[in-house]
Amino acid sequence: MRFSTVTKWIAERISRPNAQQAVGTALKKNPLPLLIPCHRVVASGKRIGGYALGVKLKNELLEFEKSLCSRQKEKRKAKKCKLKRKYRLMQV
């Protein structure tokens, strides 16, 4: 998601569509990014973009989140299989 997309979205939600720059400044100065984790914002052209704590850490955070998602999917898949087996046993 591009930063300009985020600022435009927020500006529209507060009924101030021309306030993108003000929204961007407010987000940039916010020490606790509660709305959107800034490591998830990418530059235009799908480039990784910058990060206050360094691009290396940004990549590591994104990879960590990706691994968490993979593990969650595997857990859900395993749970589904268990439920199917249990249901089959109940039918016998």
PDB file of N, CA and C in Angstrom:
ATOM      1  N   MET A   1       0.852  -1.167   0.000  1.00  0.00           N
ATOM      2  CA  MET A   1       0.000   0.000   0.000  1.00  0.00           C
ATOM      3  C   MET A   1       0.899   1.232   0.000  1.00  0.00           C
ATOM      4  N   ARG A   2       0.614   2.150  -0.882  1.00  0.00           N
ATOM      5  CA  ARG A   2       1.415   3.370  -0.965  1.00  0.00           C
ATOM      6  C   ARG A   2       0.979   4.355   0.113  1.00  0.00           C
ATOM      7  N   PHE A   3       1.932   5.142   0.580  1.00  0.00           N
ATOM      8  CA  PHE A   3       1.648   6.120   1.629  1.00  0.00           C
ATOM      9  C   PHE A   3       0.608   7.125   1.153  1.00  0.00           C
ATOM     10  N   SER A   4       0.697   7.524  -0.121  1.00  0.00           N
ATOM     11  CA  SER A   4      -0.278   8.496  -0.651  1.00  0.00           C
ATOM     12  C   SER A   4      -1.691   7.912  -0.655  1.00  0.00           C
ATOM     13  N   THR A   5      -1.798   6.609  -0.866  1.00  0.00           N
ATOM     14  CA  THR A   5      -3.111   5.950  -0.823  1.00  0.00           C
ATOM     15  C   THR A   5      -3.683   6.015   0.588  1.00  0.00           C
ATOM     16  N   VAL A   6      -2.808   5.812   1.573  1.00  0.00           N
ATOM     17  CA  VAL A   6      -3.223   5.853   2.975  1.00  0.00           C
ATOM     18  C   VAL A   6      -3.688   7.256   3.352  1.00  0.00           C
ATOM     19  N   THR A   7      -2.897   8.254   2.992  1.00  0.00           N
ATOM     20  CA  THR A   7      -3.264   9.625   3.361  1.00  0.00           C
ATOM     21  C   THR A   7      -4.552  10.057   2.656  1.00  0.00           C
ATOM     22  N   LYS A   8      -4.722   9.656   1.410  1.00  0.00           N
ATOM     23  CA  LYS A   8      -5.950   9.995   0.680  1.00  0.00           C
ATOM     24  C   LYS A   8      -7.160   9.338   1.351  1.00  0.00           C
ATOM     25  N   TRP A   9      -7.019   8.070   1.707  1.00  0.00           N
ATOM     26  CA  TRP A   9      -8.110   7.329   2.347  1.00  0.00           C
ATOM     27  C   TRP A   9      -8.520   7.992   3.661  1.00  0.00           C
ATOM     28  N   ILE A  10      -7.532   8.342   4.484  1.00  0.00           N
ATOM     29  CA  ILE A  10      -7.828   8.975   5.778  1.00  0.00           C
ATOM     30  C   ILE A  10      -8.463  10.351   5.565  1.00  0.00           C
ATOM     31  N   ALA A  11      -7.920  11.126   4.644  1.00  0.00           N
ATOM     32  CA  ALA A  11      -8.468  12.464   4.375  1.00  0.00           C
ATOM     33  C   ALA A  11      -9.927  12.382   3.936  1.00  0.00           C
ATOM     34  N   GLU A  12     -10.239  11.401   3.113  1.00  0.00           N
ATOM     35  CA  GLU A  12     -11.628  11.234   2.677  1.00  0.00           C
ATOM     36  C   GLU A  12     -12.529  10.817   3.839  1.00  0.00           C
ATOM     37  N   ARG A  13     -12.017   9.981   4.727  1.00  0.00           N
ATOM     38  CA  ARG A  13     -12.822   9.499   5.853  1.00  0.00           C
ATOM     39  C   ARG A  13     -13.141  10.599   6.860  1.00  0.00           C
ATOM     40  N   ILE A  14     -12.281  11.602   6.930  1.00  0.00           N
ATOM     41  CA  ILE A  14     -12.547  12.711   7.856  1.00  0.00           C
ATOM     42  C   ILE A  14     -13.226  13.885   7.137  1.00  0.00           C
ATOM     43  N   SER A  15     -13.733  13.603   5.944  1.00  0.00           N
ATOM     44  CA  SER A  15     -14.453  14.595   5.121  1.00  0.00           C
ATOM     45  C   SER A  15     -13.606  15.808   4.781  1.00  0.00           C
ATOM     46  N   ARG A  16     -12.306  15.583   4.587  1.00  0.00           N
ATOM     47  CA  ARG A  16     -11.388  16.659   4.183  1.00  0.00           C
ATOM     48  C   ARG A  16     -10.513  16.140   3.042  1.00  0.00           C
ATOM     49  N   PRO A  17     -11.083  15.871   1.859  1.00  0.00           N
ATOM     50  CA  PRO A  17     -10.322  15.239   0.779  1.00  0.00           C
ATOM     51  C   PRO A  17      -9.100  16.012   0.312  1.00  0.00           C
ATOM     52  N   ASN A  18      -9.045  17.305   0.587  1.00  0.00           N
ATOM     53  CA  ASN A  18      -7.877  18.108   0.182  1.00  0.00           C
ATOM     54  C   ASN A  18      -6.818  18.192   1.274  1.00  0.00           C
ATOM     55  N   ALA A  19      -6.975  17.436   2.335  1.00  0.00           N
ATOM     56  CA  ALA A  19      -6.056  17.516   3.474  1.00  0.00           C
ATOM     57  C   ALA A  19      -5.035  16.381   3.493  1.00  0.00           C
ATOM     58  N   GLN A  20      -4.722  15.820   2.327  1.00  0.00           N
ATOM     59  CA  GLN A  20      -3.779  14.699   2.288  1.00  0.00           C
ATOM     60  C   GLN A  20      -2.417  15.045   2.877  1.00  0.00           C
ATOM     61  N   GLN A  21      -1.908  16.225   2.562  1.00  0.00           N
ATOM     62  CA  GLN A  21      -0.599  16.614   3.064  1.00  0.00           C
ATOM     63  C   GLN A  21      -0.617  16.754   4.583  1.00  0.00           C
ATOM     64  N   ALA A  22      -1.662  17.338   5.124  1.00  0.00           N
ATOM     65  CA  ALA A  22      -1.779  17.485   6.579  1.00  0.00           C
ATOM     66  C   ALA A  22      -1.862  16.115   7.249  1.00  0.00           C
ATOM     67  N   VAL A  23      -2.613  15.207   6.643  1.00  0.00           N
ATOM     68  CA  VAL A  23      -2.719  13.851   7.187  1.00  0.00           C
ATOM     69  C   VAL A  23      -1.353  13.180   7.156  1.00  0.00           C
ATOM     70  N   GLY A  24      -0.643  13.321   6.040  1.00  0.00           N
ATOM     71  CA  GLY A  24       0.689  12.731   5.914  1.00  0.00           C
ATOM     72  C   GLY A  24       1.652  13.260   6.964  1.00  0.00           C
ATOM     73  N   THR A  25       1.607  14.554   7.211  1.00  0.00           N
ATOM     74  CA  THR A  25       2.468  15.156   8.232  1.00  0.00           C
ATOM     75  C   THR A  25       2.123  14.623   9.616  1.00  0.00           C
ATOM     76  N   ALA A  26       0.839  14.527   9.903  1.00  0.00           N
ATOM     77  CA  ALA A  26       0.409  14.009  11.211  1.00  0.00           C
ATOM     78  C   ALA A  26       0.852  12.563  11.405  1.00  0.00           C
ATOM     79  N   LEU A  27       0.695  11.752  10.362  1.00  0.00           N
ATOM     80  CA  LEU A  27       1.109  10.346  10.465  1.00  0.00           C
ATOM     81  C   LEU A  27       2.620  10.221  10.631  1.00  0.00           C
ATOM     82  N   LYS A  28       3.346  11.071   9.920  1.00  0.00           N
ATOM     83  CA  LYS A  28       4.810  11.017   9.983  1.00  0.00           C
ATOM     84  C   LYS A  28       5.323  11.386  11.376  1.00  0.00           C
ATOM     85  N   LYS A  29       4.651  12.322  12.034  1.00  0.00           N
ATOM     86  CA  LYS A  29       5.082  12.766  13.357  1.00  0.00           C
ATOM     87  C   LYS A  29       4.561  11.883  14.485  1.00  0.00           C
ATOM     88  N   ASN A  30       3.659  10.966  14.160  1.00  0.00           N
ATOM     89  CA  ASN A  30       3.057  10.094  15.165  1.00  0.00           C
ATOM     90  C   ASN A  30       4.097   9.070  15.638  1.00  0.00           C
ATOM     91  N   PRO A  31       4.487   9.107  16.919  1.00  0.00           N
ATOM     92  CA  PRO A  31       5.496   8.166  17.402  1.00  0.00           C
ATOM     93  C   PRO A  31       4.958   6.733  17.539  1.00  0.00           C
ATOM     94  N   LEU A  32       3.659   6.583  17.619  1.00  0.00           N
ATOM     95  CA  LEU A  32       3.045   5.259  17.734  1.00  0.00           C
ATOM     96  C   LEU A  32       2.068   5.065  16.579  1.00  0.00           C
ATOM     97  N   PRO A  33       2.505   4.433  15.496  1.00  0.00           N
ATOM     98  CA  PRO A  33       1.620   4.280  14.340  1.00  0.00           C
ATOM     99  C   PRO A  33       0.512   3.273  14.620  1.00  0.00           C
ATOM    100  N   LEU A  34      -0.578   3.760  15.179  1.00  0.00           N
ATOM    101  CA  LEU A  34      -1.678   2.884  15.562  1.00  0.00           C
ATOM    102  C   LEU A  34      -2.560   2.483  14.391  1.00  0.00           C
ATOM    103  N   LEU A  35      -2.640   3.320  13.372  1.00  0.00           N
ATOM    104  CA  LEU A  35      -3.539   3.032  12.257  1.00  0.00           C
ATOM    105  C   LEU A  35      -2.985   1.967  11.321  1.00  0.00           C
ATOM    106  N   ILE A  36      -1.803   2.185  10.831  1.00  0.00           N
ATOM    107  CA  ILE A  36      -1.211   1.288   9.849  1.00  0.00           C
ATOM    108  C   ILE A  36       0.256   1.096  10.211  1.00  0.00           C
ATOM    109  N   PRO A  37       0.664  -0.135  10.463  1.00  0.00           N
ATOM    110  CA  PRO A  37       2.082  -0.348  10.755  1.00  0.00           C
ATOM    111  C   PRO A  37       2.916   0.141   9.568  1.00  0.00           C
ATOM    112  N   CYS A  38       3.805   1.082   9.819  1.00  0.00           N
ATOM    113  CA  CYS A  38       4.515   1.731   8.713  1.00  0.00           C
ATOM    114  C   CYS A  38       5.422   0.774   7.953  1.00  0.00           C
ATOM    115  N   HIS A  39       5.810  -0.360   8.545  1.00  0.00           N
ATOM    116  CA  HIS A  39       6.656  -1.291   7.789  1.00  0.00           C
ATOM    117  C   HIS A  39       5.871  -1.987   6.685  1.00  0.00           C
ATOM    118  N   ARG A  40       4.537  -1.877   6.701  1.00  0.00           N
ATOM    119  CA  ARG A  40       3.724  -2.497   5.653  1.00  0.00           C
ATOM    120  C   ARG A  40       3.489  -1.567   4.465  1.00  0.00           C
ATOM    121  N   VAL A  41       3.834  -0.304   4.592  1.00  0.00           N
ATOM    122  CA  VAL A  41       3.654   0.651   3.500  1.00  0.00           C
ATOM    123  C   VAL A  41       4.825   0.490   2.532  1.00  0.00           C
ATOM    124  N   VAL A  42       4.501   0.289   1.255  1.00  0.00           N
ATOM    125  CA  VAL A  42       5.546   0.127   0.246  1.00  0.00           C
ATOM    126  C   VAL A  42       5.544   1.331  -0.680  1.00  0.00           C
ATOM    127  N   ALA A  43       6.676   1.541  -1.344  1.00  0.00           N
ATOM    128  CA  ALA A  43       6.809   2.659  -2.271  1.00  0.00           C
ATOM    129  C   ALA A  43       6.100   2.330  -3.583  1.00  0.00           C
ATOM    130  N   SER A  44       5.991   3.326  -4.448  1.00  0.00           N
ATOM    131  CA  SER A  44       5.354   3.088  -5.745  1.00  0.00           C
ATOM    132  C   SER A  44       6.178   2.082  -6.542  1.00  0.00           C
ATOM    133  N   GLY A  45       5.529   1.394  -7.437  1.00  0.00           N
ATOM    134  CA  GLY A  45       6.215   0.391  -8.236  1.00  0.00           C
ATOM    135  C   GLY A  45       6.579  -0.846  -7.453  1.00  0.00           C
ATOM    136  N   LYS A  46       5.931  -1.048  -6.316  1.00  0.00           N
ATOM    137  CA  LYS A  46       6.147  -2.210  -5.445  1.00  0.00           C
ATOM    138  C   LYS A  46       7.584  -2.308  -4.920  1.00  0.00           C
ATOM    139  N   ARG A  47       8.291  -1.170  -4.883  1.00  0.00           N
ATOM    140  CA  ARG A  47       9.621  -1.158  -4.259  1.00  0.00           C
ATOM    141  C   ARG A  47       9.435  -1.185  -2.746  1.00  0.00           C
ATOM    142  N   ILE A  48      10.431  -1.657  -2.026  1.00  0.00           N
ATOM    143  CA  ILE A  48      10.312  -1.819  -0.578  1.00  0.00           C
ATOM    144  C   ILE A  48      10.183  -0.472   0.130  1.00  0.00           C
ATOM    145  N   GLY A  49      10.828   0.559  -0.358  1.00  0.00           N
ATOM    146  CA  GLY A  49      10.729   1.882   0.263  1.00  0.00           C
ATOM    147  C   GLY A  49      11.550   1.980   1.533  1.00  0.00           C
ATOM    148  N   GLY A  50      11.450   3.102   2.191  1.00  0.00           N
ATOM    149  CA  GLY A  50      12.234   3.334   3.395  1.00  0.00           C
ATOM    150  C   GLY A  50      11.511   2.893   4.658  1.00  0.00           C
ATOM    151  N   TYR A  51      12.248   2.977   5.757  1.00  0.00           N
ATOM    152  CA  TYR A  51      11.708   2.626   7.071  1.00  0.00           C
ATOM    153  C   TYR A  51      12.597   3.303   8.099  1.00  0.00           C
ATOM    154  N   ALA A  52      12.006   3.923   9.099  1.00  0.00           N
ATOM    155  CA  ALA A  52      12.770   4.687  10.090  1.00  0.00           C
ATOM    156  C   ALA A  52      13.846   3.845  10.779  1.00  0.00           C
ATOM    157  N   LEU A  53      13.578   2.565  10.955  1.00  0.00           N
ATOM    158  CA  LEU A  53      14.536   1.692  11.641  1.00  0.00           C
ATOM    159  C   LEU A  53      15.415   0.899  10.682  1.00  0.00           C
ATOM    160  N   GLY A  54      15.366   1.240   9.408  1.00  0.00           N
ATOM    161  CA  GLY A  54      16.218   0.599   8.410  1.00  0.00           C
ATOM    162  C   GLY A  54      15.466  -0.400   7.542  1.00  0.00           C
ATOM    163  N   VAL A  55      15.879  -0.455   6.291  1.00  0.00           N
ATOM    164  CA  VAL A  55      15.232  -1.331   5.316  1.00  0.00           C
ATOM    165  C   VAL A  55      15.447  -2.805   5.677  1.00  0.00           C
ATOM    166  N   LYS A  56      16.604  -3.117   6.239  1.00  0.00           N
ATOM    167  CA  LYS A  56      16.875  -4.509   6.618  1.00  0.00           C
ATOM    168  C   LYS A  56      15.836  -4.990   7.643  1.00  0.00           C
ATOM    169  N   LEU A  57      15.582  -4.175   8.651  1.00  0.00           N
ATOM    170  CA  LEU A  57      14.592  -4.548   9.665  1.00  0.00           C
ATOM    171  C   LEU A  57      13.194  -4.618   9.061  1.00  0.00           C
ATOM    172  N   LYS A  58      12.893  -3.708   8.119  1.00  0.00           N
ATOM    173  CA  LYS A  58      11.593  -3.731   7.458  1.00  0.00           C
ATOM    174  C   LYS A  58      11.390  -5.068   6.745  1.00  0.00           C
ATOM    175  N   ASN A  59      12.410  -5.514   6.015  1.00  0.00           N
ATOM    176  CA  ASN A  59      12.324  -6.805   5.331  1.00  0.00           C
ATOM    177  C   ASN A  59      12.157  -7.948   6.322  1.00  0.00           C
ATOM    178  N   GLU A  60      12.891  -7.889   7.429  1.00  0.00           N
ATOM    179  CA  GLU A  60      12.792  -8.935   8.436  1.00  0.00           C
ATOM    180  C   GLU A  60      11.390  -8.994   9.058  1.00  0.00           C
ATOM    181  N   LEU A  61      10.807  -7.830   9.335  1.00  0.00           N
ATOM    182  CA  LEU A  61       9.452  -7.786   9.890  1.00  0.00           C
ATOM    183  C   LEU A  61       8.433  -8.372   8.915  1.00  0.00           C
ATOM    184  N   LEU A  62       8.569  -8.009   7.644  1.00  0.00           N
ATOM    185  CA  LEU A  62       7.640  -8.529   6.636  1.00  0.00           C
ATOM    186  C   LEU A  62       7.780 -10.044   6.488  1.00  0.00           C
ATOM    187  N   GLU A  63       9.015 -10.542   6.501  1.00  0.00           N
ATOM    188  CA  GLU A  63       9.237 -11.988   6.397  1.00  0.00           C
ATOM    189  C   GLU A  63       8.702 -12.711   7.633  1.00  0.00           C
ATOM    190  N   PHE A  64       8.888 -12.099   8.800  1.00  0.00           N
ATOM    191  CA  PHE A  64       8.375 -12.689  10.037  1.00  0.00           C
ATOM    192  C   PHE A  64       6.853 -12.800   9.986  1.00  0.00           C
ATOM    193  N   GLU A  65       6.192 -11.732   9.557  1.00  0.00           N
ATOM    194  CA  GLU A  65       4.734 -11.760   9.450  1.00  0.00           C
ATOM    195  C   GLU A  65       4.278 -12.796   8.428  1.00  0.00           C
ATOM    196  N   LYS A  66       5.027 -12.914   7.341  1.00  0.00           N
ATOM    197  CA  LYS A  66       4.687 -13.905   6.326  1.00  0.00           C
ATOM    198  C   LYS A  66       4.770 -15.314   6.916  1.00  0.00           C
ATOM    199  N   SER A  67       5.798 -15.567   7.727  1.00  0.00           N
ATOM    200  CA  SER A  67       5.938 -16.890   8.332  1.00  0.00           C
ATOM    201  C   SER A  67       4.811 -17.155   9.339  1.00  0.00           C
ATOM    202  N   LEU A  68       4.393 -16.124  10.064  1.00  0.00           N
ATOM    203  CA  LEU A  68       3.272 -16.294  10.997  1.00  0.00           C
ATOM    204  C   LEU A  68       1.999 -16.666  10.248  1.00  0.00           C
ATOM    205  N   CYS A  69       1.768 -16.006   9.122  1.00  0.00           N
ATOM    206  CA  CYS A  69       0.577 -16.308   8.322  1.00  0.00           C
ATOM    207  C   CYS A  69       0.629 -17.749   7.830  1.00  0.00           C
ATOM    208  N   SER A  70       1.796 -18.193   7.395  1.00  0.00           N
ATOM    209  CA  SER A  70       1.929 -19.570   6.907  1.00  0.00           C
ATOM    210  C   SER A  70       1.624 -20.562   8.016  1.00  0.00           C
ATOM    211  N   ARG A  71       2.145 -20.297   9.214  1.00  0.00           N
ATOM    212  CA  ARG A  71       1.895 -21.202  10.345  1.00  0.00           C
ATOM    213  C   ARG A  71       0.415 -21.226  10.702  1.00  0.00           C
ATOM    214  N   GLN A  72      -0.230 -20.073  10.679  1.00  0.00           N
ATOM    215  CA  GLN A  72      -1.661 -20.018  10.999  1.00  0.00           C
ATOM    216  C   GLN A  72      -2.476 -20.806   9.976  1.00  0.00           C
ATOM    217  N   LYS A  73      -2.107 -20.695   8.711  1.00  0.00           N
ATOM    218  CA  LYS A  73      -2.810 -21.450   7.674  1.00  0.00           C
ATOM    219  C   LYS A  73      -2.639 -22.948   7.898  1.00  0.00           C
ATOM    220  N   GLU A  74      -1.424 -23.364   8.242  1.00  0.00           N
ATOM    221  CA  GLU A  74      -1.172 -24.783   8.490  1.00  0.00           C
ATOM    222  C   GLU A  74      -1.984 -25.285   9.683  1.00  0.00           C
ATOM    223  N   LYS A  75      -2.068 -24.473  10.732  1.00  0.00           N
ATOM    224  CA  LYS A  75      -2.850 -24.867  11.911  1.00  0.00           C
ATOM    225  C   LYS A  75      -4.327 -25.021  11.558  1.00  0.00           C
ATOM    226  N   ARG A  76      -4.861 -24.067  10.772  1.00  0.00           N
ATOM    227  CA  ARG A  76      -6.262 -24.148  10.362  1.00  0.00           C
ATOM    228  C   ARG A  76      -6.513 -25.386   9.507  1.00  0.00           C
ATOM    229  N   LYS A  77      -5.561 -25.676   8.621  1.00  0.00           N
ATOM    230  CA  LYS A  77      -5.694 -26.839   7.753  1.00  0.00           C
ATOM    231  C   LYS A  77      -5.690 -28.121   8.590  1.00  0.00           C
ATOM    232  N   ALA A  78      -4.796 -28.212   9.574  1.00  0.00           N
ATOM    233  CA  ALA A  78      -4.721 -29.388  10.442  1.00  0.00           C
ATOM    234  C   ALA A  78      -6.004 -29.543  11.253  1.00  0.00           C
ATOM    235  N   LYS A  79      -6.528 -28.447  11.732  1.00  0.00           N
ATOM    236  CA  LYS A  79      -7.762 -28.492  12.513  1.00  0.00           C
ATOM    237  C   LYS A  79      -8.924 -28.990  11.655  1.00  0.00           C
ATOM    238  N   LYS A  80      -8.993 -28.534  10.400  1.00  0.00           N
ATOM    239  CA  LYS A  80     -10.033 -28.987   9.487  1.00  0.00           C
ATOM    240  C   LYS A  80      -9.938 -30.493   9.276  1.00  0.00           C
ATOM    241  N   CYS A  81      -8.715 -30.991   9.095  1.00  0.00           N
ATOM    242  CA  CYS A  81      -8.512 -32.423   8.873  1.00  0.00           C
ATOM    243  C   CYS A  81      -8.973 -33.222  10.085  1.00  0.00           C
ATOM    244  N   LYS A  82      -8.655 -32.729  11.280  1.00  0.00           N
ATOM    245  CA  LYS A  82      -9.077 -33.416  12.504  1.00  0.00           C
ATOM    246  C   LYS A  82     -10.597 -33.474  12.590  1.00  0.00           C
ATOM    247  N   LEU A  83     -11.243 -32.356  12.262  1.00  0.00           N
ATOM    248  CA  LEU A  83     -12.700 -32.314  12.316  1.00  0.00           C
ATOM    249  C   LEU A  83     -13.316 -33.269  11.296  1.00  0.00           C
ATOM    250  N   LYS A  84     -12.739 -33.337  10.105  1.00  0.00           N
ATOM    251  CA  LYS A  84     -13.249 -34.248   9.089  1.00  0.00           C
ATOM    252  C   LYS A  84     -13.121 -35.697   9.544  1.00  0.00           C
ATOM    253  N   ARG A  85     -11.939 -36.047  10.116  1.00  0.00           N
ATOM    254  CA  ARG A  85     -11.729 -37.415  10.603  1.00  0.00           C
ATOM    255  C   ARG A  85     -12.726 -37.749  11.712  1.00  0.00           C
ATOM    256  N   LYS A  86     -12.916 -36.807  12.615  1.00  0.00           N
ATOM    257  CA  LYS A  86     -13.840 -37.017  13.724  1.00  0.00           C
ATOM    258  C   LYS A  86     -15.261 -37.222  13.192  1.00  0.00           C
ATOM    259  N   TYR A  87     -15.649 -36.436  12.203  1.00  0.00           N
ATOM    260  CA  TYR A  87     -16.978 -36.543  11.630  1.00  0.00           C
ATOM    261  C   TYR A  87     -17.153 -37.906  10.941  1.00  0.00           C
ATOM    262  N   ARG A  88     -16.108 -38.343  10.214  1.00  0.00           N
ATOM    263  CA  ARG A  88     -16.170 -39.638   9.550  1.00  0.00           C
ATOM    264  C   ARG A  88     -16.318 -40.765  10.551  1.00  0.00           C
ATOM    265  N   LEU A  89     -15.612 -40.678  11.672  1.00  0.00           N
ATOM    266  CA  LEU A  89     -15.705 -41.713  12.707  1.00  0.00           C
ATOM    267  C   LEU A  89     -17.093 -41.748  13.314  1.00  0.00           C
ATOM    268  N   MET A  90     -17.709 -40.589  13.447  1.00  0.00           N
ATOM    269  CA  MET A  90     -19.043 -40.519  14.020  1.00  0.00           C
ATOM    270  C   MET A  90     -20.079 -41.144  13.088  1.00  0.00           C
ATOM    271  N   GLN A  91     -19.828 -41.090  11.796  1.00  0.00           N
ATOM    272  CA  GLN A  91     -20.782 -41.649  10.828  1.00  0.00           C
ATOM    273  C   GLN A  91     -20.735 -43.171  10.763  1.00  0.00           C
ATOM    274  N   VAL A  92     -19.628 -43.758  11.118  1.00  0.00           N
ATOM    275  CA  VAL A  92     -19.445 -45.216  11.016  1.00  0.00           C
ATOM    276  C   VAL A  92     -20.276 -45.962  12.006  1.00  0.00           C
TER     277      VAL A  92
END
